[in-house]
PDB file of all heavy atoms in Angstrom:
ATOM      1  N   LEU A   1     -34.976  39.566 -18.376  1.00  0.00           N
ATOM      2  CA  LEU A   1     -34.913  39.704 -19.852  1.00  0.00           C
ATOM      3  C   LEU A   1     -34.211  38.513 -20.490  1.00  0.00           C
ATOM      4  O   LEU A   1     -34.613  38.054 -21.555  1.00  0.00           O
ATOM      5  CB  LEU A   1     -34.261  41.022 -20.219  1.00  0.00           C
ATOM      6  CG  LEU A   1     -35.025  42.281 -19.801  1.00  0.00           C
ATOM      7  CD1 LEU A   1     -34.204  43.495 -20.042  1.00  0.00           C
ATOM      8  CD2 LEU A   1     -36.406  42.339 -20.421  1.00  0.00           C
ATOM      9  N   SER A   2     -33.204  37.994 -19.873  1.00  0.00           N
ATOM     10  CA  SER A   2     -32.468  36.832 -20.447  1.00  0.00           C
ATOM     11  C   SER A   2     -33.305  35.556 -20.405  1.00  0.00           C
ATOM     12  O   SER A   2     -33.157  34.648 -21.225  1.00  0.00           O
ATOM     13  CB  SER A   2     -31.127  36.632 -19.814  1.00  0.00           C
ATOM     14  OG  SER A   2     -31.262  36.223 -18.474  1.00  0.00           O
ATOM     15  N   MET A   3     -34.191  35.441 -19.380  1.00  0.00           N
ATOM     16  CA  MET A   3     -35.016  34.246 -19.293  1.00  0.00           C
ATOM     17  C   MET A   3     -36.372  34.394 -19.957  1.00  0.00           C
ATOM     18  O   MET A   3     -37.177  33.486 -19.914  1.00  0.00           O
ATOM     19  CB  MET A   3     -35.193  33.934 -17.790  1.00  0.00           C
ATOM     20  CG  MET A   3     -33.942  33.554 -17.055  1.00  0.00           C
ATOM     21  SD  MET A   3     -34.137  33.090 -15.326  1.00  0.00           S
ATOM     22  CE  MET A   3     -35.614  33.798 -14.774  1.00  0.00           C
ATOM     23  N   ASN A   4     -36.601  35.529 -20.590  1.00  0.00           N
ATOM     24  CA  ASN A   4     -37.929  35.772 -21.202  1.00  0.00           C
ATOM     25  C   ASN A   4     -39.038  35.457 -20.204  1.00  0.00           C
ATOM     26  O   ASN A   4     -39.979  34.744 -20.532  1.00  0.00           O
ATOM     27  CB  ASN A   4     -38.119  35.016 -22.474  1.00  0.00           C
ATOM     28  CG  ASN A   4     -37.236  35.530 -23.585  1.00  0.00           C
ATOM     29  OD1 ASN A   4     -37.093  36.764 -23.741  1.00  0.00           O
ATOM     30  ND2 ASN A   4     -36.649  34.667 -24.347  1.00  0.00           N
ATOM     31  N   SER A   5     -38.950  35.995 -19.020  1.00  0.00           N
ATOM     32  CA  SER A   5     -39.906  35.705 -17.989  1.00  0.00           C
ATOM     33  C   SER A   5     -41.301  36.270 -18.358  1.00  0.00           C
ATOM     34  O   SER A   5     -41.391  37.090 -19.258  1.00  0.00           O
ATOM     35  CB  SER A   5     -39.473  36.353 -16.639  1.00  0.00           C
ATOM     36  OG  SER A   5     -39.803  37.711 -16.630  1.00  0.00           O
ATOM     37  N   PRO A   6     -42.288  35.813 -17.616  1.00  0.00           N
ATOM     38  CA  PRO A   6     -43.656  36.364 -17.884  1.00  0.00           C
ATOM     39  C   PRO A   6     -43.765  37.894 -17.709  1.00  0.00           C
ATOM     40  O   PRO A   6     -44.649  38.532 -18.206  1.00  0.00           O
ATOM     41  CB  PRO A   6     -44.538  35.656 -16.903  1.00  0.00           C
ATOM     42  CG  PRO A   6     -43.806  34.425 -16.508  1.00  0.00           C
ATOM     43  CD  PRO A   6     -42.326  34.754 -16.668  1.00  0.00           C
ATOM     44  N   ARG A   7     -42.786  38.454 -17.007  1.00  0.00           N
ATOM     45  CA  ARG A   7     -42.791  39.886 -16.757  1.00  0.00           C
ATOM     46  C   ARG A   7     -42.020  40.693 -17.800  1.00  0.00           C
ATOM     47  O   ARG A   7     -42.012  41.921 -17.792  1.00  0.00           O
ATOM     48  CB  ARG A   7     -42.240  40.171 -15.341  1.00  0.00           C
ATOM     49  CG  ARG A   7     -43.201  39.715 -14.234  1.00  0.00           C
ATOM     50  CD  ARG A   7     -42.503  39.478 -12.906  1.00  0.00           C
ATOM     51  NE  ARG A   7     -41.401  38.525 -13.024  1.00  0.00           N
ATOM     52  CZ  ARG A   7     -41.588  37.182 -13.101  1.00  0.00           C
ATOM     53  NH1 ARG A   7     -42.783  36.689 -13.151  1.00  0.00           N
ATOM     54  NH2 ARG A   7     -40.546  36.366 -13.205  1.00  0.00           N
ATOM     55  N   SER A   8     -41.298  39.993 -18.694  1.00  0.00           N
ATOM     56  CA  SER A   8     -40.438  40.677 -19.651  1.00  0.00           C
ATOM     57  C   SER A   8     -41.157  41.737 -20.425  1.00  0.00           C
ATOM     58  O   SER A   8     -40.655  42.849 -20.599  1.00  0.00           O
ATOM     59  CB  SER A   8     -39.796  39.680 -20.630  1.00  0.00           C
ATOM     60  OG  SER A   8     -38.929  38.844 -19.981  1.00  0.00           O
ATOM     61  N   GLU A   9     -42.323  41.424 -20.968  1.00  0.00           N
ATOM     62  CA  GLU A   9     -43.056  42.397 -21.808  1.00  0.00           C
ATOM     63  C   GLU A   9     -43.423  43.654 -20.986  1.00  0.00           C
ATOM     64  O   GLU A   9     -43.424  44.720 -21.529  1.00  0.00           O
ATOM     65  CB  GLU A   9     -44.337  41.744 -22.375  1.00  0.00           C
ATOM     66  CG  GLU A   9     -44.043  40.574 -23.283  1.00  0.00           C
ATOM     67  CD  GLU A   9     -44.207  40.932 -24.738  1.00  0.00           C
ATOM     68  OE1 GLU A   9     -44.819  41.900 -25.031  1.00  0.00           O
ATOM     69  OE2 GLU A   9     -43.624  40.129 -25.567  1.00  0.00           O
ATOM     70  N   THR A  10     -43.720  43.478 -19.712  1.00  0.00           N
ATOM     71  CA  THR A  10     -44.085  44.606 -18.840  1.00  0.00           C
ATOM     72  C   THR A  10     -42.849  45.427 -18.517  1.00  0.00           C
ATOM     73  O   THR A  10     -42.941  46.621 -18.231  1.00  0.00           O
ATOM     74  CB  THR A  10     -44.795  44.105 -17.592  1.00  0.00           C
ATOM     75  OG1 THR A  10     -45.823  43.178 -17.920  1.00  0.00           O
ATOM     76  CG2 THR A  10     -45.394  45.259 -16.833  1.00  0.00           C
ATOM     77  N   LEU A  11     -41.682  44.829 -18.575  1.00  0.00           N
ATOM     78  CA  LEU A  11     -40.440  45.536 -18.334  1.00  0.00           C
ATOM     79  C   LEU A  11     -40.067  46.493 -19.474  1.00  0.00           C
ATOM     80  O   LEU A  11     -39.394  47.497 -19.241  1.00  0.00           O
ATOM     81  CB  LEU A  11     -39.286  44.558 -18.133  1.00  0.00           C
ATOM     82  CG  LEU A  11     -39.184  43.916 -16.769  1.00  0.00           C
ATOM     83  CD1 LEU A  11     -38.126  42.771 -16.815  1.00  0.00           C
ATOM     84  CD2 LEU A  11     -38.804  44.919 -15.709  1.00  0.00           C
ATOM     85  N   PHE A  12     -40.472  46.152 -20.690  1.00  0.00           N
ATOM     86  CA  PHE A  12     -40.041  46.952 -21.834  1.00  0.00           C
ATOM     87  C   PHE A  12     -40.337  48.460 -21.683  1.00  0.00           C
ATOM     88  O   PHE A  12     -39.422  49.250 -21.939  1.00  0.00           O
ATOM     89  CB  PHE A  12     -40.681  46.426 -23.149  1.00  0.00           C
ATOM     90  CG  PHE A  12     -40.223  45.025 -23.552  1.00  0.00           C
ATOM     91  CD1 PHE A  12     -41.002  44.258 -24.354  1.00  0.00           C
ATOM     92  CD2 PHE A  12     -39.024  44.513 -23.083  1.00  0.00           C
ATOM     93  CE1 PHE A  12     -40.590  42.990 -24.734  1.00  0.00           C
ATOM     94  CE2 PHE A  12     -38.579  43.269 -23.437  1.00  0.00           C
ATOM     95  CZ  PHE A  12     -39.382  42.479 -24.302  1.00  0.00           C
ATOM     96  N   PRO A  13     -41.516  48.837 -21.256  1.00  0.00           N
ATOM     97  CA  PRO A  13     -41.770  50.302 -21.108  1.00  0.00           C
ATOM     98  C   PRO A  13     -40.841  50.918 -20.061  1.00  0.00           C
ATOM     99  O   PRO A  13     -40.549  52.130 -20.167  1.00  0.00           O
ATOM    100  CB  PRO A  13     -43.207  50.372 -20.661  1.00  0.00           C
ATOM    101  CG  PRO A  13     -43.845  49.100 -21.101  1.00  0.00           C
ATOM    102  CD  PRO A  13     -42.731  48.072 -21.051  1.00  0.00           C
ATOM    103  N   LEU A  14     -40.395  50.145 -19.053  1.00  0.00           N
ATOM    104  CA  LEU A  14     -39.497  50.732 -18.059  1.00  0.00           C
ATOM    105  C   LEU A  14     -38.139  51.047 -18.605  1.00  0.00           C
ATOM    106  O   LEU A  14     -37.446  51.989 -18.128  1.00  0.00           O
ATOM    107  CB  LEU A  14     -39.371  49.768 -16.868  1.00  0.00           C
ATOM    108  CG  LEU A  14     -40.578  49.586 -15.994  1.00  0.00           C
ATOM    109  CD1 LEU A  14     -40.317  48.522 -14.966  1.00  0.00           C
ATOM    110  CD2 LEU A  14     -40.974  50.876 -15.296  1.00  0.00           C
ATOM    111  N   VAL A  15     -37.697  50.317 -19.591  1.00  0.00           N
ATOM    112  CA  VAL A  15     -36.376  50.541 -20.163  1.00  0.00           C
ATOM    113  C   VAL A  15     -36.425  51.195 -21.516  1.00  0.00           C
ATOM    114  O   VAL A  15     -35.395  51.496 -22.114  1.00  0.00           O
ATOM    115  CB  VAL A  15     -35.546  49.223 -20.239  1.00  0.00           C
ATOM    116  CG1 VAL A  15     -35.267  48.671 -18.876  1.00  0.00           C
ATOM    117  CG2 VAL A  15     -36.239  48.194 -21.147  1.00  0.00           C
ATOM    118  N   GLN A  16     -37.626  51.481 -22.022  1.00  0.00           N
ATOM    119  CA  GLN A  16     -37.784  52.094 -23.366  1.00  0.00           C
ATOM    120  C   GLN A  16     -37.077  53.411 -23.460  1.00  0.00           C
ATOM    121  O   GLN A  16     -36.436  53.668 -24.504  1.00  0.00           O
ATOM    122  CB  GLN A  16     -39.265  52.236 -23.666  1.00  0.00           C
ATOM    123  CG  GLN A  16     -39.535  52.583 -25.136  1.00  0.00           C
ATOM    124  CD  GLN A  16     -39.307  51.405 -26.015  1.00  0.00           C
ATOM    125  OE1 GLN A  16     -39.817  50.323 -25.786  1.00  0.00           O
ATOM    126  NE2 GLN A  16     -38.521  51.576 -27.112  1.00  0.00           N
ATOM    127  N   ASN A  17     -37.163  54.272 -22.432  1.00  0.00           N
ATOM    128  CA  ASN A  17     -36.483  55.579 -22.540  1.00  0.00           C
ATOM    129  C   ASN A  17     -35.004  55.396 -22.682  1.00  0.00           C
ATOM    130  O   ASN A  17     -34.341  56.176 -23.365  1.00  0.00           O
ATOM    131  CB  ASN A  17     -36.833  56.445 -21.342  1.00  0.00           C
ATOM    132  CG  ASN A  17     -36.370  55.895 -20.012  1.00  0.00           C
ATOM    133  OD1 ASN A  17     -36.398  54.665 -19.774  1.00  0.00           O
ATOM    134  ND2 ASN A  17     -35.878  56.718 -19.145  1.00  0.00           N
ATOM    135  N   ILE A  18     -34.429  54.375 -22.006  1.00  0.00           N
ATOM    136  CA  ILE A  18     -32.985  54.124 -22.070  1.00  0.00           C
ATOM    137  C   ILE A  18     -32.596  53.654 -23.454  1.00  0.00           C
ATOM    138  O   ILE A  18     -31.667  54.181 -24.066  1.00  0.00           O
ATOM    139  CB  ILE A  18     -32.582  53.093 -21.015  1.00  0.00           C
ATOM    140  CG1 ILE A  18     -32.840  53.657 -19.587  1.00  0.00           C
ATOM    141  CG2 ILE A  18     -31.112  52.691 -21.165  1.00  0.00           C
ATOM    142  CD1 ILE A  18     -32.767  52.675 -18.505  1.00  0.00           C
ATOM    143  N   THR A  19     -33.313  52.674 -24.000  1.00  0.00           N
ATOM    144  CA  THR A  19     -32.958  52.164 -25.330  1.00  0.00           C
ATOM    145  C   THR A  19     -33.242  53.172 -26.430  1.00  0.00           C
ATOM    146  O   THR A  19     -32.482  53.265 -27.370  1.00  0.00           O
ATOM    147  CB  THR A  19     -33.679  50.824 -25.601  1.00  0.00           C
ATOM    148  OG1 THR A  19     -35.087  50.989 -25.497  1.00  0.00           O
ATOM    149  CG2 THR A  19     -33.217  49.740 -24.635  1.00  0.00           C
ATOM    150  N   ASP A  20     -34.314  53.936 -26.305  1.00  0.00           N
ATOM    151  CA  ASP A  20     -34.608  54.976 -27.278  1.00  0.00           C
ATOM    152  C   ASP A  20     -33.521  56.043 -27.333  1.00  0.00           C
ATOM    153  O   ASP A  20     -33.134  56.464 -28.399  1.00  0.00           O
ATOM    154  CB  ASP A  20     -35.948  55.644 -26.976  1.00  0.00           C
ATOM    155  CG  ASP A  20     -37.157  54.789 -27.311  1.00  0.00           C
ATOM    156  OD1 ASP A  20     -37.007  53.730 -27.951  1.00  0.00           O
ATOM    157  OD2 ASP A  20     -38.295  55.168 -26.915  1.00  0.00           O
ATOM    158  N   LEU A  21     -33.025  56.417 -26.150  1.00  0.00           N
ATOM    159  CA  LEU A  21     -31.957  57.419 -26.119  1.00  0.00           C
ATOM    160  C   LEU A  21     -30.701  56.895 -26.746  1.00  0.00           C
ATOM    161  O   LEU A  21     -30.041  57.550 -27.590  1.00  0.00           O
ATOM    162  CB  LEU A  21     -31.679  57.812 -24.674  1.00  0.00           C
ATOM    163  CG  LEU A  21     -30.519  58.802 -24.459  1.00  0.00           C
ATOM    164  CD1 LEU A  21     -30.758  60.123 -25.243  1.00  0.00           C
ATOM    165  CD2 LEU A  21     -30.316  59.066 -23.016  1.00  0.00           C
ATOM    166  N   LEU A  22     -30.298  55.658 -26.410  1.00  0.00           N
ATOM    167  CA  LEU A  22     -29.110  55.081 -27.020  1.00  0.00           C
ATOM    168  C   LEU A  22     -29.280  54.941 -28.524  1.00  0.00           C
ATOM    169  O   LEU A  22     -28.312  55.319 -29.255  1.00  0.00           O
ATOM    170  CB  LEU A  22     -28.794  53.689 -26.390  1.00  0.00           C
ATOM    171  CG  LEU A  22     -27.564  52.988 -26.935  1.00  0.00           C
ATOM    172  CD1 LEU A  22     -26.328  53.858 -26.784  1.00  0.00           C
ATOM    173  CD2 LEU A  22     -27.380  51.670 -26.245  1.00  0.00           C
ATOM    174  N   ARG A  23     -30.396  54.496 -28.992  1.00  0.00           N
ATOM    175  CA  ARG A  23     -30.645  54.351 -30.418  1.00  0.00           C
ATOM    176  C   ARG A  23     -30.474  55.741 -31.123  1.00  0.00           C
ATOM    177  O   ARG A  23     -29.829  55.855 -32.150  1.00  0.00           O
ATOM    178  CB  ARG A  23     -32.006  53.777 -30.712  1.00  0.00           C
ATOM    179  CG  ARG A  23     -32.316  53.631 -32.204  1.00  0.00           C
ATOM    180  CD  ARG A  23     -33.698  53.035 -32.462  1.00  0.00           C
ATOM    181  NE  ARG A  23     -33.705  51.604 -32.068  1.00  0.00           N
ATOM    182  CZ  ARG A  23     -34.330  51.132 -31.000  1.00  0.00           C
ATOM    183  NH1 ARG A  23     -35.024  51.932 -30.208  1.00  0.00           N
ATOM    184  NH2 ARG A  23     -34.243  49.844 -30.693  1.00  0.00           N
ATOM    185  N   SER A  24     -31.087  56.751 -30.494  1.00  0.00           N
ATOM    186  CA  SER A  24     -30.986  58.093 -31.056  1.00  0.00           C
ATOM    187  C   SER A  24     -29.563  58.575 -31.164  1.00  0.00           C
ATOM    188  O   SER A  24     -29.150  59.149 -32.202  1.00  0.00           O
ATOM    189  CB  SER A  24     -31.822  59.042 -30.231  1.00  0.00           C
ATOM    190  OG  SER A  24     -31.590  60.395 -30.572  1.00  0.00           O
ATOM    191  N   ILE A  25     -28.766  58.370 -30.123  1.00  0.00           N
ATOM    192  CA  ILE A  25     -27.350  58.764 -30.149  1.00  0.00           C
ATOM    193  C   ILE A  25     -26.589  58.067 -31.245  1.00  0.00           C
ATOM    194  O   ILE A  25     -25.842  58.671 -31.988  1.00  0.00           O
ATOM    195  CB  ILE A  25     -26.706  58.489 -28.780  1.00  0.00           C
ATOM    196  CG1 ILE A  25     -27.314  59.427 -27.685  1.00  0.00           C
ATOM    197  CG2 ILE A  25     -25.202  58.650 -28.845  1.00  0.00           C
ATOM    198  CD1 ILE A  25     -26.955  58.991 -26.253  1.00  0.00           C
ATOM    199  N   LEU A  26     -26.812  56.770 -31.333  1.00  0.00           N
ATOM    200  CA  LEU A  26     -26.079  55.988 -32.344  1.00  0.00           C
ATOM    201  C   LEU A  26     -26.493  56.340 -33.748  1.00  0.00           C
ATOM    202  O   LEU A  26     -25.650  56.454 -34.648  1.00  0.00           O
ATOM    203  CB  LEU A  26     -26.298  54.472 -32.090  1.00  0.00           C
ATOM    204  CG  LEU A  26     -25.690  53.929 -30.826  1.00  0.00           C
ATOM    205  CD1 LEU A  26     -26.054  52.476 -30.608  1.00  0.00           C
ATOM    206  CD2 LEU A  26     -24.178  54.101 -30.792  1.00  0.00           C
ATOM    207  N   GLU A  27     -27.783  56.544 -33.995  1.00  0.00           N
ATOM    208  CA  GLU A  27     -28.245  56.922 -35.319  1.00  0.00           C
ATOM    209  C   GLU A  27     -27.748  58.296 -35.735  1.00  0.00           C
ATOM    210  O   GLU A  27     -27.310  58.474 -36.851  1.00  0.00           O
ATOM    211  CB  GLU A  27     -29.779  56.867 -35.377  1.00  0.00           C
ATOM    212  CG  GLU A  27     -30.294  55.439 -35.386  1.00  0.00           C
ATOM    213  CD  GLU A  27     -31.843  55.354 -35.252  1.00  0.00           C
ATOM    214  OE1 GLU A  27     -32.497  56.376 -34.947  1.00  0.00           O
ATOM    215  OE2 GLU A  27     -32.358  54.245 -35.451  1.00  0.00           O
ATOM    216  N   ARG A  28     -27.724  59.262 -34.799  1.00  0.00           N
ATOM    217  CA  ARG A  28     -27.208  60.578 -35.079  1.00  0.00           C
ATOM    218  C   ARG A  28     -25.689  60.484 -35.414  1.00  0.00           C
ATOM    219  O   ARG A  28     -25.200  61.149 -36.337  1.00  0.00           O
ATOM    220  CB  ARG A  28     -27.462  61.595 -33.933  1.00  0.00           C
ATOM    221  CG  ARG A  28     -28.853  62.133 -33.937  1.00  0.00           C
ATOM    222  CD  ARG A  28     -29.050  63.209 -32.849  1.00  0.00           C
ATOM    223  NE  ARG A  28     -28.720  62.765 -31.531  1.00  0.00           N
ATOM    224  CZ  ARG A  28     -27.672  63.224 -30.826  1.00  0.00           C
ATOM    225  NH1 ARG A  28     -26.847  64.080 -31.350  1.00  0.00           N
ATOM    226  NH2 ARG A  28     -27.421  62.769 -29.607  1.00  0.00           N
ATOM    227  N   GLY A  29     -25.015  59.727 -34.573  1.00  0.00           N
ATOM    228  CA  GLY A  29     -23.567  59.568 -34.816  1.00  0.00           C
ATOM    229  C   GLY A  29     -23.244  58.904 -36.137  1.00  0.00           C
ATOM    230  O   GLY A  29     -22.271  59.276 -36.808  1.00  0.00           O
ATOM    231  N   GLN A  30     -24.074  57.926 -36.486  1.00  0.00           N
ATOM    232  CA  GLN A  30     -23.849  57.288 -37.791  1.00  0.00           C
ATOM    233  C   GLN A  30     -24.127  58.249 -38.917  1.00  0.00           C
ATOM    234  O   GLN A  30     -23.368  58.330 -39.886  1.00  0.00           O
ATOM    235  CB  GLN A  30     -24.752  56.009 -37.863  1.00  0.00           C
ATOM    236  CG  GLN A  30     -24.490  55.211 -39.119  1.00  0.00           C
ATOM    237  CD  GLN A  30     -25.258  53.898 -39.095  1.00  0.00           C
ATOM    238  OE1 GLN A  30     -26.334  53.809 -38.568  1.00  0.00           O
ATOM    239  NE2 GLN A  30     -24.684  52.871 -39.708  1.00  0.00           N
ATOM    240  N   ALA A  31     -25.244  58.983 -38.826  1.00  0.00           N
ATOM    241  CA  ALA A  31     -25.581  59.967 -39.879  1.00  0.00           C
ATOM    242  C   ALA A  31     -24.512  61.047 -40.050  1.00  0.00           C
ATOM    243  O   ALA A  31     -24.265  61.502 -41.155  1.00  0.00           O
ATOM    244  CB  ALA A  31     -26.938  60.597 -39.565  1.00  0.00           C
ATOM    245  N   GLN A  32     -23.849  61.439 -38.942  1.00  0.00           N
ATOM    246  CA  GLN A  32     -22.805  62.448 -38.988  1.00  0.00           C
ATOM    247  C   GLN A  32     -21.432  61.929 -39.325  1.00  0.00           C
ATOM    248  O   GLN A  32     -20.498  62.681 -39.455  1.00  0.00           O
ATOM    249  CB  GLN A  32     -22.778  63.205 -37.693  1.00  0.00           C
ATOM    250  CG  GLN A  32     -23.997  64.034 -37.346  1.00  0.00           C
ATOM    251  CD  GLN A  32     -23.918  64.660 -35.947  1.00  0.00           C
ATOM    252  OE1 GLN A  32     -22.840  64.787 -35.341  1.00  0.00           O
ATOM    253  NE2 GLN A  32     -25.048  65.066 -35.441  1.00  0.00           N
ATOM    254  N   GLY A  33     -21.331  60.599 -39.445  1.00  0.00           N
ATOM    255  CA  GLY A  33     -20.034  59.989 -39.732  1.00  0.00           C
ATOM    256  C   GLY A  33     -19.154  59.882 -38.496  1.00  0.00           C
ATOM    257  O   GLY A  33     -17.977  59.530 -38.611  1.00  0.00           O
ATOM    258  N   VAL A  34     -19.675  60.149 -37.335  1.00  0.00           N
ATOM    259  CA  VAL A  34     -18.908  60.039 -36.088  1.00  0.00           C
ATOM    260  C   VAL A  34     -18.746  58.586 -35.693  1.00  0.00           C
ATOM    261  O   VAL A  34     -17.727  58.173 -35.143  1.00  0.00           O
ATOM    262  CB  VAL A  34     -19.599  60.863 -34.959  1.00  0.00           C
ATOM    263  CG1 VAL A  34     -18.873  60.665 -33.626  1.00  0.00           C
ATOM    264  CG2 VAL A  34     -19.698  62.307 -35.327  1.00  0.00           C
ATOM    265  N   PHE A  35     -19.755  57.778 -35.948  1.00  0.00           N
ATOM    266  CA  PHE A  35     -19.760  56.347 -35.618  1.00  0.00           C
ATOM    267  C   PHE A  35     -19.882  55.569 -36.947  1.00  0.00           C
ATOM    268  O   PHE A  35     -20.567  55.979 -37.856  1.00  0.00           O
ATOM    269  CB  PHE A  35     -20.958  55.935 -34.751  1.00  0.00           C
ATOM    270  CG  PHE A  35     -21.029  56.689 -33.435  1.00  0.00           C
ATOM    271  CD1 PHE A  35     -22.281  56.970 -32.910  1.00  0.00           C
ATOM    272  CD2 PHE A  35     -19.917  57.151 -32.768  1.00  0.00           C
ATOM    273  CE1 PHE A  35     -22.423  57.639 -31.726  1.00  0.00           C
ATOM    274  CE2 PHE A  35     -20.043  57.860 -31.564  1.00  0.00           C
ATOM    275  CZ  PHE A  35     -21.263  58.092 -31.056  1.00  0.00           C
ATOM    276  N   ARG A  36     -19.192  54.422 -36.981  1.00  0.00           N
ATOM    277  CA  ARG A  36     -19.247  53.505 -38.080  1.00  0.00           C
ATOM    278  C   ARG A  36     -19.930  52.232 -37.538  1.00  0.00           C
ATOM    279  O   ARG A  36     -19.306  51.494 -36.748  1.00  0.00           O
ATOM    280  CB  ARG A  36     -17.852  53.218 -38.595  1.00  0.00           C
ATOM    281  CG  ARG A  36     -17.742  52.264 -39.752  1.00  0.00           C
ATOM    282  CD  ARG A  36     -16.285  52.016 -40.160  1.00  0.00           C
ATOM    283  NE  ARG A  36     -15.253  52.199 -39.119  1.00  0.00           N
ATOM    284  CZ  ARG A  36     -14.949  51.247 -38.189  1.00  0.00           C
ATOM    285  NH1 ARG A  36     -15.539  50.112 -38.175  1.00  0.00           N
ATOM    286  NH2 ARG A  36     -14.019  51.521 -37.284  1.00  0.00           N
ATOM    287  N   LEU A  37     -21.142  51.984 -37.925  1.00  0.00           N
ATOM    288  CA  LEU A  37     -21.900  50.868 -37.393  1.00  0.00           C
ATOM    289  C   LEU A  37     -22.393  49.924 -38.504  1.00  0.00           C
ATOM    290  O   LEU A  37     -22.910  50.389 -39.490  1.00  0.00           O
ATOM    291  CB  LEU A  37     -23.169  51.401 -36.618  1.00  0.00           C
ATOM    292  CG  LEU A  37     -22.931  52.485 -35.608  1.00  0.00           C
ATOM    293  CD1 LEU A  37     -24.292  52.961 -35.085  1.00  0.00           C
ATOM    294  CD2 LEU A  37     -22.056  52.012 -34.465  1.00  0.00           C
ATOM    295  N   HIS A  38     -22.235  48.653 -38.263  1.00  0.00           N
ATOM    296  CA  HIS A  38     -22.787  47.672 -39.194  1.00  0.00           C
ATOM    297  C   HIS A  38     -24.323  47.596 -38.920  1.00  0.00           C
ATOM    298  O   HIS A  38     -25.089  47.526 -39.876  1.00  0.00           O
ATOM    299  CB  HIS A  38     -22.146  46.303 -38.978  1.00  0.00           C
ATOM    300  CG  HIS A  38     -22.797  45.209 -39.702  1.00  0.00           C
ATOM    301  ND1 HIS A  38     -22.722  45.070 -41.065  1.00  0.00           N
ATOM    302  CD2 HIS A  38     -23.563  44.173 -39.247  1.00  0.00           C
ATOM    303  CE1 HIS A  38     -23.440  44.011 -41.423  1.00  0.00           C
ATOM    304  NE2 HIS A  38     -23.922  43.442 -40.380  1.00  0.00           N
TER     305      HIS A  38
END
């Protein structure tokens, strides 16, 4: 991912569930005032 290798785009679906989950947690926390995010 740091080298933007030719395989990077194919890696995205493998980590999508991880990033989607983190995004969801952060967005819910921000909406509830639990997290303060820029």
